[in-house]
Amino acid sequence: MAKRCYYEVLSVERTASESELKTSFRRLAMKYHPDRCPDDPAAQEKFKEAKEAYEVLSDTQKRAAYDRHGHAAFEHGMGGGGGGFSGDVGDIFGDIFSDIFGMGGSRGGRPRRGSDLRYLLELDLEEAVFGIEKQIEVPTLVACGKCEGSGSADGKTSTCSTCRGQGRVRMQNGIFSVQQTCPHCAGSGKTVANPCKECRGEGRVHDERTLQVKIPAGVDTGDRIRLTGQGEAGPAGTVPGDLYVEVRVREHEIFVREGDDLYCELPIRFAQAALGSELAVPTLDGEATVTIPPETQTGKLFRLRGKGVKSVRSGRTGDLMCRVVIETPVKLTAEQRELLERFEATFEGEEGRTHSPRNRSWLDGVKQFWDRVTS
């Protein structure tokens, strides 16, 4: 019987990546593995076919040979045989066996534990900069109060007969041997004869936990605070997971944070920019004075050193960057309009261009552009 194309067996394109090959093989292995279909010879043949295809296509050299010569590449000594699987057992079959034998993804024989939880905590900029203690409420699974998390109504437990108290079992399939958490005691090594009615022997119930979280000074969006053992309670006799509090800092009406530096806009009138002035600007610890020199242009940055955020990691304090924005006056009175018209009249003629350096360079650039276009 002619062999099917390996790409067709795995239902992937010829350009499939290693990750796509692994995902496809894992799906087929889960479906046709002999332990899943012990009485179905057809399924077992499909598993062998998928295993052979994956072994070839997951190997760079074998895949190149197969792409050039097809199945003939592995006949008459032209290449390695496609019969035996030589893939990474710990990587792919460990995951597959976990699902096949109902181990919930626990690997390496470690006892199963409660799930880790993630809590998104929004803070104002001031709270993130100076640190704060927050009270949060987390819906989760907690240890049953009636049985104190044991899962037993009478507090009695016995040694698990499946793993003999080891919490681990070894699953054997042909040449493959995988050690996994015991499916009957979830790795605790203990079983319960008289389950607690409140939690039905699980040792945990749904509840809302109230916690105090201390936020260190200097945190920023994306930073996480780990609270060990404050995640979801594990099954009876196992340890709880952890809680990760992830920080998100709200937008501020004045400051924009970039790393440990703060940025703010400093609106000034054009007369202040032209003549120079001193302005009070807000900082995190009070007001500071910025001296605006004469002839300041819009967009000019003034740095106030040490007025930014103190890093939660390095302890370095950033700077405050004030960006000048020159405002156009609005709602002019008749007198103000007359003064501006008289002022603008002084810029007429070639001499007036010397007072507007950016305008002058822009007009020169426009002239050069038109000369190139029309030449």
Protein backbone atom coordinates (compact mmCIF):
# COMPACT_ATOMS: atom_id res chain seq x y z
CA MET A 1 0.00 0.00 0.00
CA ALA A 2 1.47 3.35 -1.06
CA LYS A 3 2.36 5.75 1.73
CA ARG A 4 0.50 9.03 2.00
CA CYS A 5 2.37 12.32 1.75
CA TYR A 6 3.74 13.24 5.17
CA TYR A 7 2.40 16.78 4.86
CA GLU A 8 -1.03 15.38 4.06
CA VAL A 9 -0.81 13.03 7.06
CA LEU A 10 -0.20 15.96 9.41
CA SER A 11 -2.62 18.24 7.51
CA VAL A 12 -0.05 21.02 7.13
CA GLU A 13 1.36 23.05 4.27
CA ARG A 14 4.84 22.35 2.91
CA THR A 15 5.94 25.66 4.43
CA ALA A 16 4.76 24.65 7.91
CA SER A 17 6.95 25.77 10.80
CA GLU A 18 8.30 23.50 13.52
CA SER A 19 5.64 24.81 15.88
CA GLU A 20 2.86 24.02 13.39
CA LEU A 21 4.21 20.49 12.87
CA LYS A 22 4.33 19.88 16.61
CA THR A 23 0.82 21.21 17.15
CA SER A 24 -0.61 19.04 14.39
CA PHE A 25 1.17 15.89 15.57
CA ARG A 26 0.09 16.53 19.15
CA ARG A 27 -3.53 16.81 18.01
CA LEU A 28 -3.34 13.52 16.08
CA ALA A 29 -1.51 11.74 18.90
CA MET A 30 -4.18 12.82 21.35
CA LYS A 31 -6.84 11.40 19.02
CA TYR A 32 -5.25 8.12 17.92
CA HIS A 33 -2.84 7.16 20.69
CA PRO A 34 -3.10 3.40 21.54
CA ASP A 35 -3.94 4.22 25.14
CA ARG A 36 -6.92 6.20 23.91
CA CYS A 37 -7.99 3.60 21.34
CA PRO A 38 -6.80 0.22 22.70
CA ASP A 39 -9.36 -1.76 20.64
CA ASP A 40 -9.10 0.17 17.38
CA PRO A 41 -6.33 -1.15 15.07
CA ALA A 42 -7.13 1.52 12.47
CA ALA A 43 -6.53 4.29 14.99
CA GLN A 44 -3.25 2.70 16.03
CA GLU A 45 -2.11 2.62 12.40
CA LYS A 46 -2.96 6.31 12.05
CA PHE A 47 -0.92 7.05 15.15
CA LYS A 48 2.09 5.18 13.72
CA GLU A 49 1.64 7.03 10.41
CA ALA A 50 1.54 10.43 12.15
CA LYS A 51 4.53 9.51 14.32
CA GLU A 52 6.57 8.56 11.26
CA ALA A 53 5.59 11.76 9.42
CA TYR A 54 6.49 13.93 12.39
CA GLU A 55 9.85 12.22 12.89
CA VAL A 56 10.85 12.99 9.31
CA LEU A 57 9.47 16.52 8.98
CA SER A 58 10.70 17.69 12.39
CA ASP A 59 14.28 16.77 11.44
CA THR A 60 15.86 19.44 9.20
CA GLN A 61 18.04 17.05 7.20
CA LYS A 62 15.36 14.38 6.80
CA ARG A 63 12.81 16.99 5.77
CA ALA A 64 15.15 18.38 3.12
CA ALA A 65 15.74 14.87 1.76
CA TYR A 66 12.01 14.13 1.76
CA ASP A 67 11.23 17.41 -0.05
CA ARG A 68 13.72 16.42 -2.80
CA HIS A 69 13.02 12.71 -3.18
CA GLY A 70 9.79 11.94 -1.36
CA HIS A 71 9.46 8.54 0.35
CA ALA A 72 12.27 7.21 -1.84
CA ALA A 73 14.72 9.22 0.26
CA PHE A 74 14.35 6.62 3.02
CA GLU A 75 14.44 3.51 0.91
CA HIS A 76 17.49 1.47 -0.15
CA GLY A 77 19.76 3.20 2.35
CA MET A 78 19.27 6.72 1.02
CA GLY A 79 18.50 8.13 4.45
CA GLY A 80 17.40 7.39 7.97
CA GLY A 81 14.36 5.15 8.26
CA GLY A 82 11.03 6.69 9.02
CA GLY A 83 9.90 3.91 11.29
CA GLY A 84 11.18 4.68 14.77
CA PHE A 85 10.43 7.91 16.55
CA SER A 86 13.47 9.80 17.81
CA GLY A 87 11.91 13.11 18.76
CA ASP A 88 12.20 14.97 22.07
CA VAL A 89 10.28 12.70 24.42
CA GLY A 90 10.39 15.12 27.31
CA ASP A 91 9.15 17.96 25.14
CA ILE A 92 6.29 16.62 23.09
CA PHE A 93 5.33 13.23 24.51
CA GLY A 94 5.48 14.52 28.06
CA ASP A 95 2.74 17.00 27.14
CA ILE A 96 0.78 14.42 25.17
CA PHE A 97 0.86 11.82 27.93
CA SER A 98 -0.18 14.48 30.43
CA ASP A 99 -3.38 15.02 28.50
CA ILE A 100 -3.94 11.37 27.63
CA PHE A 101 -3.61 10.20 31.22
CA GLY A 102 -5.45 13.18 32.71
CA MET A 103 -2.51 14.76 34.53
CA GLY A 104 -3.63 18.32 34.02
CA GLY A 105 -0.33 19.41 32.53
CA SER A 106 1.78 18.72 35.63
CA ARG A 107 5.24 17.52 34.63
CA GLY A 108 8.35 16.16 36.23
CA GLY A 109 6.41 14.34 38.95
CA ARG A 110 5.71 17.51 40.93
CA PRO A 111 2.51 17.47 43.00
CA ARG A 112 -0.27 19.49 41.46
CA ARG A 113 -0.85 22.89 43.04
CA GLY A 114 -3.49 25.58 42.89
CA SER A 115 -3.59 27.80 39.85
CA ASP A 116 -1.79 31.13 39.78
CA LEU A 117 -4.08 34.15 39.52
CA ARG A 118 -3.67 37.55 37.88
CA TYR A 119 -5.24 40.72 39.25
CA LEU A 120 -5.14 44.00 37.31
CA LEU A 121 -4.70 46.98 39.65
CA GLU A 122 -5.17 50.51 38.28
CA LEU A 123 -3.26 53.31 40.01
CA ASP A 124 -3.00 57.06 39.69
CA LEU A 125 0.43 58.35 38.73
CA GLU A 126 1.00 59.74 42.22
CA GLU A 127 0.16 56.37 43.79
CA ALA A 128 2.59 54.58 41.48
CA VAL A 129 5.36 57.13 42.06
CA PHE A 130 5.17 57.34 45.85
CA GLY A 131 3.87 53.84 46.62
CA ILE A 132 0.67 52.95 48.42
CA GLU A 133 -1.11 50.14 50.23
CA LYS A 134 -4.28 48.97 48.51
CA GLN A 135 -7.05 46.63 49.57
CA ILE A 136 -8.21 44.29 46.83
CA GLU A 137 -10.91 41.63 46.62
CA VAL A 138 -10.07 38.53 44.59
CA PRO A 139 -12.73 35.93 43.65
CA THR A 140 -11.00 32.57 43.89
CA LEU A 141 -10.99 29.07 45.33
CA VAL A 142 -10.03 29.06 49.01
CA ALA A 143 -9.41 26.28 51.51
CA CYS A 144 -12.66 24.85 52.84
CA GLY A 145 -13.30 26.16 56.34
CA LYS A 146 -15.31 23.16 57.46
CA CYS A 147 -12.64 20.54 56.77
CA GLU A 148 -9.71 22.99 56.93
CA GLY A 149 -8.73 22.12 53.38
CA SER A 150 -8.29 18.39 53.99
CA GLY A 151 -11.38 17.34 52.02
CA SER A 152 -12.26 14.87 54.77
CA ALA A 153 -15.40 15.19 56.88
CA ASP A 154 -13.76 13.43 59.84
CA GLY A 155 -10.22 14.68 59.25
CA LYS A 156 -9.00 11.17 58.42
CA THR A 157 -6.97 10.36 55.33
CA SER A 158 -5.36 7.19 54.05
CA THR A 159 -2.41 6.41 51.82
CA CYS A 160 -3.28 6.48 48.14
CA SER A 161 -3.37 2.92 46.81
CA THR A 162 -2.49 4.01 43.27
CA CYS A 163 0.83 5.70 44.02
CA ARG A 164 1.36 4.18 47.48
CA GLY A 165 1.79 7.58 49.02
CA GLN A 166 4.46 8.74 46.57
CA GLY A 167 2.22 11.23 44.77
CA ARG A 168 3.70 10.10 41.44
CA VAL A 169 3.06 7.28 39.02
CA ARG A 170 5.04 6.01 36.05
CA MET A 171 3.11 5.50 32.82
CA GLN A 172 4.62 2.97 30.40
CA ASN A 173 3.79 2.62 26.73
CA GLY A 174 6.22 0.55 24.73
CA ILE A 175 9.61 2.28 24.89
CA PHE A 176 8.13 5.39 26.46
CA SER A 177 8.06 5.91 30.20
CA VAL A 178 6.72 9.11 31.70
CA GLN A 179 6.54 9.94 35.40
CA GLN A 180 3.51 12.03 36.26
CA THR A 181 1.45 13.28 39.18
CA CYS A 182 -0.91 10.61 40.50
CA PRO A 183 -4.37 11.20 38.99
CA HIS A 184 -6.22 9.86 42.05
CA CYS A 185 -4.63 11.90 44.83
CA ALA A 186 -3.41 14.89 42.75
CA GLY A 187 0.10 14.34 44.05
CA SER A 188 -0.72 14.51 47.76
CA GLY A 189 -0.22 10.78 48.36
CA LYS A 190 -3.40 10.74 50.45
CA THR A 191 -7.03 9.81 49.74
CA VAL A 192 -10.24 10.52 51.64
CA ALA A 193 -12.76 7.84 52.57
CA ASN A 194 -15.38 10.21 54.03
CA PRO A 195 -15.51 13.36 51.84
CA CYS A 196 -16.50 16.70 53.31
CA LYS A 197 -20.02 17.63 52.22
CA GLU A 198 -19.21 21.35 52.03
CA CYS A 199 -16.46 20.99 49.42
CA ARG A 200 -17.30 17.44 48.24
CA GLY A 201 -13.85 16.23 49.12
CA GLU A 202 -12.07 18.89 47.06
CA GLY A 203 -10.78 20.73 50.11
CA ARG A 204 -11.64 24.10 48.54
CA VAL A 205 -14.68 26.27 47.86
CA HIS A 206 -15.46 29.40 45.85
CA ASP A 207 -15.13 32.61 47.83
CA GLU A 208 -13.85 36.19 47.64
CA ARG A 209 -10.58 36.89 49.40
CA THR A 210 -9.73 40.38 50.70
CA LEU A 211 -6.03 41.22 50.68
CA GLN A 212 -3.82 44.19 51.53
CA VAL A 213 -1.24 44.80 48.81
CA LYS A 214 1.76 47.03 49.43
CA ILE A 215 2.74 48.79 46.19
CA PRO A 216 6.39 49.90 46.23
CA ALA A 217 7.29 53.41 45.10
CA GLY A 218 8.27 53.78 41.45
CA VAL A 219 6.24 51.01 39.83
CA ASP A 220 5.01 51.48 36.28
CA THR A 221 2.50 49.93 33.91
CA GLY A 222 3.33 46.25 33.36
CA ASP A 223 5.13 45.74 36.67
CA ARG A 224 3.92 42.72 38.65
CA ILE A 225 3.88 42.05 42.37
CA ARG A 226 3.91 38.40 43.37
CA LEU A 227 2.00 37.32 46.46
CA THR A 228 3.18 33.81 47.22
CA GLY A 229 0.47 31.37 48.22
CA GLN A 230 -2.35 33.87 47.67
CA GLY A 231 -3.59 32.34 44.43
CA GLU A 232 -6.15 29.62 43.98
CA ALA A 233 -6.21 26.96 46.68
CA GLY A 234 -4.96 23.59 45.47
CA PRO A 235 -6.87 20.31 45.75
CA ALA A 236 -6.96 18.73 49.19
CA GLY A 237 -3.48 18.24 50.56
CA THR A 238 -1.67 20.39 47.99
CA VAL A 239 -0.29 23.90 48.09
CA PRO A 240 -2.06 27.00 46.73
CA GLY A 241 -0.88 28.96 43.71
CA ASP A 242 0.43 32.51 43.67
CA LEU A 243 -1.31 35.81 42.98
CA TYR A 244 0.27 38.23 40.53
CA VAL A 245 -0.91 41.82 40.91
CA GLU A 246 -0.23 43.60 37.62
CA VAL A 247 -0.01 47.39 37.70
CA ARG A 248 -1.64 49.70 35.16
CA VAL A 249 -1.08 53.45 35.65
CA ARG A 250 -3.91 55.74 34.52
CA GLU A 251 -3.26 58.68 32.19
CA HIS A 252 -2.37 61.89 34.04
CA GLU A 253 -3.77 65.32 33.23
CA ILE A 254 -0.34 66.99 33.38
CA PHE A 255 2.50 64.44 33.16
CA VAL A 256 3.42 61.72 30.71
CA ARG A 257 5.83 59.11 32.02
CA GLU A 258 8.57 57.58 29.87
CA GLY A 259 10.68 55.24 31.94
CA ASP A 260 11.84 57.24 34.95
CA ASP A 261 11.44 60.62 33.21
CA LEU A 262 8.34 62.78 33.23
CA TYR A 263 7.24 65.09 30.41
CA CYS A 264 4.84 68.00 30.55
CA GLU A 265 3.81 70.83 28.25
CA LEU A 266 4.50 74.39 29.32
CA PRO A 267 2.12 76.82 27.55
CA ILE A 268 3.44 80.41 27.34
CA ARG A 269 2.46 83.59 25.50
CA PHE A 270 4.56 84.61 22.52
CA ALA A 271 5.65 87.80 24.29
CA GLN A 272 7.03 85.70 27.14
CA ALA A 273 8.87 83.54 24.64
CA ALA A 274 10.23 86.57 22.75
CA LEU A 275 11.26 88.66 25.76
CA GLY A 276 12.06 85.85 28.23
CA SER A 277 10.42 85.18 31.58
CA GLU A 278 10.40 83.05 34.69
CA LEU A 279 7.58 80.56 35.13
CA ALA A 280 6.47 78.28 37.96
CA VAL A 281 5.98 74.66 36.91
CA PRO A 282 4.47 71.77 38.91
CA THR A 283 6.65 68.84 39.99
CA LEU A 284 5.92 65.77 42.06
CA ASP A 285 7.23 67.45 45.21
CA GLY A 286 6.03 71.02 44.74
CA GLU A 287 6.64 73.95 42.40
CA ALA A 288 9.89 74.70 40.61
CA THR A 289 10.98 77.71 38.55
CA VAL A 290 11.95 77.53 34.89
CA THR A 291 13.81 80.46 33.33
CA ILE A 292 12.70 81.04 29.75
CA PRO A 293 15.45 82.87 27.83
CA PRO A 294 14.56 85.50 25.20
CA GLU A 295 13.76 84.25 21.68
CA THR A 296 12.68 80.78 22.88
CA GLN A 297 11.01 78.75 20.14
CA THR A 298 8.04 76.41 20.55
CA GLY A 299 9.08 72.82 21.21
CA LYS A 300 12.12 73.81 23.28
CA LEU A 301 12.78 71.34 26.12
CA PHE A 302 13.86 72.41 29.59
CA ARG A 303 15.24 69.71 31.87
CA LEU A 304 14.72 69.75 35.62
CA ARG A 305 17.14 67.17 36.93
CA GLY A 306 16.01 64.83 39.67
CA LYS A 307 12.35 65.88 39.38
CA GLY A 308 11.18 62.66 37.73
CA VAL A 309 10.43 59.23 39.21
CA LYS A 310 12.70 57.23 41.49
CA SER A 311 13.18 53.81 39.89
CA VAL A 312 11.82 50.87 41.86
CA ARG A 313 14.78 48.78 40.65
CA SER A 314 17.91 50.95 40.41
CA GLY A 315 16.95 53.71 42.83
CA ARG A 316 17.90 56.30 40.18
CA THR A 317 15.66 59.35 39.95
CA GLY A 318 14.67 60.55 36.50
CA ASP A 319 14.20 64.10 35.23
CA LEU A 320 11.24 66.34 34.42
CA MET A 321 11.21 67.56 30.83
CA CYS A 322 9.14 70.71 30.17
CA ARG A 323 8.26 71.29 26.51
CA VAL A 324 7.45 74.88 25.58
CA VAL A 325 4.23 75.43 23.63
CA ILE A 326 3.66 79.00 22.44
CA GLU A 327 -0.02 79.84 22.49
CA THR A 328 -1.82 82.07 20.02
CA PRO A 329 -3.86 84.68 21.95
CA VAL A 330 -7.64 84.44 21.65
CA LYS A 331 -10.59 86.77 22.38
CA LEU A 332 -8.54 89.91 21.64
CA THR A 333 -9.83 93.32 22.58
CA ALA A 334 -9.85 96.14 20.02
CA GLU A 335 -6.80 97.68 21.68
CA GLN A 336 -4.89 94.39 21.64
CA ARG A 337 -5.73 93.81 18.00
CA GLU A 338 -4.55 97.33 17.08
CA LEU A 339 -1.27 96.80 18.95
CA LEU A 340 -0.68 93.50 17.17
CA GLU A 341 -1.39 95.01 13.77
CA ARG A 342 1.10 97.79 14.45
CA PHE A 343 3.60 95.21 15.71
CA GLU A 344 3.12 93.00 12.63
CA ALA A 345 3.64 95.96 10.32
CA THR A 346 7.22 96.25 11.60
CA PHE A 347 8.06 92.88 9.97
CA GLU A 348 7.22 93.96 6.44
CA GLY A 349 9.99 93.89 3.87
CA GLU A 350 13.22 91.92 3.66
CA GLU A 351 14.44 93.24 7.01
CA GLY A 352 11.51 91.60 8.80
CA ARG A 353 12.70 88.16 7.73
CA THR A 354 15.68 88.37 10.07
CA HIS A 355 13.29 88.14 13.01
CA SER A 356 11.80 84.84 11.85
CA PRO A 357 14.67 82.36 11.32
CA ARG A 358 12.48 79.31 10.85
CA ASN A 359 10.15 81.12 8.46
CA ARG A 360 13.12 82.35 6.46
CA SER A 361 14.69 78.88 6.16
CA TRP A 362 11.30 77.42 5.27
CA LEU A 363 10.71 79.95 2.47
CA ASP A 364 14.22 79.30 1.15
CA GLY A 365 13.45 75.57 1.11
CA VAL A 366 10.20 76.17 -0.75
CA LYS A 367 12.00 78.26 -3.38
CA GLN A 368 14.64 75.55 -3.90
CA PHE A 369 11.91 72.93 -4.21
CA TRP A 370 10.06 74.88 -6.93
CA ASP A 371 13.33 75.52 -8.76
CA ARG A 372 13.99 71.75 -8.89
CA VAL A 373 10.43 70.96 -9.95
CA THR A 374 10.29 73.54 -12.75
CA SER A 375 13.84 73.11 -14.08
